[in-house]
Protein backbone atom coordinates (compact mmCIF):
# COMPACT_ATOMS: atom_id res chain seq x y z
CA UNK A 1 0.00 0.00 0.00
CA UNK A 2 1.39 3.40 -1.00
CA UNK A 3 1.66 6.30 1.45
CA UNK A 4 -1.23 8.07 -0.31
CA UNK A 5 -3.45 4.99 -0.12
CA UNK A 6 -2.54 4.58 3.54
CA UNK A 7 -3.57 8.17 4.29
CA UNK A 8 -6.88 7.71 2.44
CA UNK A 9 -7.63 4.50 4.38
CA UNK A 10 -6.81 6.23 7.68
CA UNK A 11 -9.01 9.18 6.70
CA UNK A 12 -11.87 6.83 5.84
CA UNK A 13 -11.70 5.06 9.21
CA UNK A 14 -11.42 8.40 10.98
CA UNK A 15 -14.62 9.61 9.29
CA UNK A 16 -16.46 6.51 10.53
CA UNK A 17 -15.03 6.96 14.04
CA UNK A 18 -16.03 10.63 14.14
CA UNK A 19 -19.55 9.78 12.97
CA UNK A 20 -20.29 6.69 15.09
CA UNK A 21 -17.83 7.01 17.97
CA UNK A 22 -20.06 9.31 20.06
CA UNK A 23 -23.00 6.93 19.59
CA UNK A 24 -20.89 4.01 20.85
CA UNK A 25 -19.87 6.09 23.86
CA UNK A 26 -23.55 6.85 24.52
CA UNK A 27 -24.48 3.18 24.38
CA UNK A 28 -21.53 2.07 26.53
CA UNK A 29 -22.17 4.62 29.30
CA UNK A 30 -25.91 3.93 29.25
CA UNK A 31 -25.34 0.17 29.60
CA UNK A 32 -22.78 0.74 32.36
CA UNK A 33 -25.17 2.94 34.34
CA UNK A 34 -28.37 0.97 33.67
CA UNK A 35 -29.72 -0.66 36.85
CA UNK A 36 -29.68 -4.44 37.09
CA UNK A 37 -33.23 -4.28 38.41
CA UNK A 38 -35.06 -1.97 35.97
CA UNK A 39 -36.80 0.97 37.58
CA UNK A 40 -37.82 4.42 36.29
CA UNK A 41 -35.35 6.38 38.42
CA UNK A 42 -32.37 4.19 37.58
CA UNK A 43 -33.32 4.14 33.89
CA UNK A 44 -33.56 7.93 33.76
CA UNK A 45 -30.23 8.27 35.57
CA UNK A 46 -28.58 5.99 32.99
CA UNK A 47 -30.11 7.98 30.12
CA UNK A 48 -28.86 11.28 31.56
CA UNK A 49 -25.37 9.87 32.12
CA UNK A 50 -25.27 8.47 28.60
CA UNK A 51 -26.54 11.73 27.14
CA UNK A 52 -23.85 13.73 28.95
CA UNK A 53 -21.16 11.38 27.68
CA UNK A 54 -22.68 11.60 24.18
CA UNK A 55 -22.40 15.39 24.22
CA UNK A 56 -18.77 15.33 25.37
CA UNK A 57 -17.87 12.65 22.81
CA UNK A 58 -19.58 14.59 19.99
CA UNK A 59 -17.59 17.74 20.76
CA UNK A 60 -14.41 15.66 21.03
CA UNK A 61 -15.14 14.05 17.65
CA UNK A 62 -15.59 17.49 16.09
CA UNK A 63 -12.23 18.62 17.50
CA UNK A 64 -10.54 15.43 16.27
CA UNK A 65 -11.99 16.01 12.80
CA UNK A 66 -10.55 19.52 12.81
CA UNK A 67 -7.18 18.31 14.10
CA UNK A 68 -6.71 15.23 11.92
CA UNK A 69 -8.60 16.20 8.76
CA UNK A 70 -7.98 19.94 8.94
CA UNK A 71 -11.67 20.78 8.54
CA UNK A 72 -15.15 20.24 9.92
CA UNK A 73 -17.94 19.76 7.41
CA UNK A 74 -21.06 21.93 7.73
CA UNK A 75 -23.09 18.75 8.32
CA UNK A 76 -20.89 17.77 11.27
CA UNK A 77 -21.15 21.28 12.75
CA UNK A 78 -24.94 21.10 12.51
CA UNK A 79 -25.13 17.57 13.91
CA UNK A 80 -22.88 18.42 16.87
CA UNK A 81 -24.82 21.59 17.65
CA UNK A 82 -28.07 19.61 17.80
CA UNK A 83 -26.48 16.88 19.93
CA UNK A 84 -25.37 19.48 22.47
CA UNK A 85 -28.64 21.41 22.30
CA UNK A 86 -31.05 18.50 22.53
CA UNK A 87 -28.78 16.65 24.94
CA UNK A 88 -28.91 19.67 27.26
CA UNK A 89 -32.71 19.67 27.07
CA UNK A 90 -32.80 15.95 27.89
CA UNK A 91 -30.63 16.47 30.97
CA UNK A 92 -32.45 19.64 32.11
CA UNK A 93 -35.97 18.24 31.77
CA UNK A 94 -35.08 14.61 32.51
CA UNK A 95 -36.88 13.56 29.32
CA UNK A 96 -35.19 11.26 26.76
CA UNK A 97 -37.66 12.36 24.08
CA UNK A 98 -35.44 15.32 23.20
CA UNK A 99 -32.34 13.25 22.42
CA UNK A 100 -34.47 10.75 20.49
CA UNK A 101 -36.02 13.51 18.39
CA UNK A 102 -32.63 14.94 17.46
CA UNK A 103 -31.89 12.39 14.66
CA UNK A 104 -35.35 12.95 13.17
CA UNK A 105 -34.74 16.68 13.00
CA UNK A 106 -31.26 16.24 11.50
CA UNK A 107 -32.46 13.80 8.84
CA UNK A 108 -35.52 15.88 8.00
CA UNK A 109 -33.53 19.12 7.71
CA UNK A 110 -30.87 17.54 5.50
CA UNK A 111 -33.50 15.78 3.39
CA UNK A 112 -35.55 18.94 2.81
CA UNK A 113 -32.43 21.02 2.12
CA UNK A 114 -31.02 18.55 -0.41
CA UNK A 115 -34.32 18.06 -2.22
CA UNK A 116 -34.98 21.81 -2.21
CA UNK A 117 -31.55 22.38 -3.71
CA UNK A 118 -32.21 19.69 -6.31
CA UNK A 119 -35.46 21.36 -7.36
CA UNK A 120 -33.55 24.64 -7.76
CA UNK A 121 -30.82 22.93 -9.76
CA UNK A 122 -28.21 23.18 -6.99
CA UNK A 123 -26.20 20.19 -5.76
CA UNK A 124 -26.07 21.13 -2.08
CA UNK A 125 -24.47 17.83 -1.10
CA UNK A 126 -21.25 18.93 -2.80
CA UNK A 127 -21.23 22.07 -0.65
CA UNK A 128 -22.23 20.31 2.57
CA UNK A 129 -19.62 17.58 2.21
CA UNK A 130 -16.93 19.96 0.96
CA UNK A 131 -15.86 17.06 -1.23
CA UNK A 132 -15.25 16.54 -4.91
CA UNK A 133 -15.35 13.21 -6.72
CA UNK A 134 -12.94 13.29 -9.64
CA UNK A 135 -14.76 13.47 -12.97
CA UNK A 136 -18.28 13.50 -11.53
CA UNK A 137 -20.55 15.69 -13.64
CA UNK A 138 -22.88 18.32 -12.25
CA UNK A 139 -25.79 16.07 -13.23
CA UNK A 140 -24.23 13.31 -11.17
CA UNK A 141 -23.96 15.61 -8.15
CA UNK A 142 -27.59 16.67 -8.59
CA UNK A 143 -28.79 13.07 -8.70
CA UNK A 144 -26.65 12.18 -5.69
CA UNK A 145 -28.12 15.12 -3.75
CA UNK A 146 -31.64 14.06 -4.73
CA UNK A 147 -31.06 10.44 -3.73
CA UNK A 148 -29.50 11.35 -0.38
CA UNK A 149 -32.36 13.78 0.23
CA UNK A 150 -34.92 11.00 -0.21
CA UNK A 151 -32.83 8.63 1.91
CA UNK A 152 -32.55 11.18 4.73
CA UNK A 153 -36.31 11.66 4.79
CA UNK A 154 -36.75 7.87 4.92
CA UNK A 155 -34.35 7.75 7.89
CA UNK A 156 -36.37 10.48 9.63
CA UNK A 157 -39.55 8.42 9.26
CA UNK A 158 -37.76 5.24 10.34
CA UNK A 159 -36.39 6.93 13.46
CA UNK A 160 -39.88 8.01 14.46
CA UNK A 161 -41.26 4.50 13.90
CA UNK A 162 -38.49 2.90 15.97
CA UNK A 163 -38.81 5.56 18.68
CA UNK A 164 -42.51 4.75 18.99
CA UNK A 165 -42.11 0.98 18.91
CA UNK A 166 -38.96 0.33 20.97
CA UNK A 167 -37.80 1.11 24.49
CA UNK A 168 -34.85 3.46 24.89
CA UNK A 169 -32.17 0.76 24.85
CA UNK A 170 -33.74 -0.94 21.85
CA UNK A 171 -33.78 2.39 20.03
CA UNK A 172 -30.10 2.93 20.85
CA UNK A 173 -29.15 -0.50 19.49
CA UNK A 174 -31.20 0.19 16.36
CA UNK A 175 -29.07 3.27 15.72
CA UNK A 176 -26.09 0.94 15.48
CA UNK A 177 -27.51 -2.22 13.90
CA UNK A 178 -30.18 -0.72 11.62
CA UNK A 179 -29.09 2.78 10.59
CA UNK A 180 -25.40 1.96 10.10
CA UNK A 181 -25.92 -1.03 7.73
CA UNK A 182 -28.67 0.82 5.83
CA UNK A 183 -26.37 3.81 5.32
CA UNK A 184 -23.49 1.72 4.00
CA UNK A 185 -25.79 -0.27 1.71
CA UNK A 186 -27.35 2.92 0.35
CA UNK A 187 -23.96 4.56 -0.18
CA UNK A 188 -22.67 1.50 -2.01
CA UNK A 189 -25.81 1.41 -4.18
CA UNK A 190 -24.97 4.89 -5.51
CA UNK A 191 -21.63 3.89 -7.04
CA UNK A 192 -23.04 2.57 -10.39
CA UNK A 193 -24.93 5.83 -10.92
CA UNK A 194 -21.86 7.88 -10.07
CA UNK A 195 -19.68 5.87 -12.45
CA UNK A 196 -22.28 6.41 -15.16
CA UNK A 197 -22.01 10.15 -14.62
CA UNK A 198 -18.28 10.44 -14.87
CA UNK A 199 -16.82 9.34 -11.53
CA UNK A 200 -13.31 8.06 -12.16
CA UNK A 201 -13.09 4.28 -11.80
CA UNK A 202 -9.99 4.72 -9.65
CA UNK A 203 -12.09 6.89 -7.31
CA UNK A 204 -15.04 4.49 -7.08
CA UNK A 205 -14.53 3.98 -3.32
CA UNK A 206 -14.59 7.72 -2.57
CA UNK A 207 -18.39 7.86 -1.99
CA UNK A 208 -17.94 5.35 0.84
CA UNK A 209 -15.26 7.53 2.40
CA UNK A 210 -17.18 10.78 2.01
CA UNK A 211 -20.70 9.72 2.97
CA UNK A 212 -22.71 12.26 4.97
CA UNK A 213 -22.74 11.72 8.74
CA UNK A 214 -25.73 9.69 9.95
CA UNK A 215 -24.49 8.27 13.22
CA UNK A 216 -25.90 10.95 15.52
């Protein structure tokens, strides 16, 4: 593996860690604090502890992104701001609804923004990601923005369904075992379209490395 390939692989893993690391911290602290004998007070205490750790980890991930990658994408800024904001509301009011609503709001905002940009002929995903795929045409960027917009709206609906149907721990696990695989499968499914619209064959793995953050 060349030095350039090694840096790209490290950058790819760092993007995944920045996106999903805070969620893993949330889950770990929640499980550590959860009472052996379930009760409302102990459950709420575990949720608050996990939420606090989630907020700290999200800010740390943002700083690591700035330090290691030299930049923070607008999407990561927005996601981190909502994590801190809604996490604070969860802790202040002692209500996990706020932190559970946060992903729905993120997905809905991104979905509406991307589809609105598509309807106006603007590929907002290119701006939000601050990324460029070598050779990809403007039409390709528009279609990618449209597809991610639809996918984000689907994730917003899915989050609400899971929030209504599962307990808090089940919802947390779903963030890891449902949303993460769906995101990777969707990202991979876009590669044929991107290749058709000019993405360099040598850069075919770039969409997987530059996928929008969905781990929050």
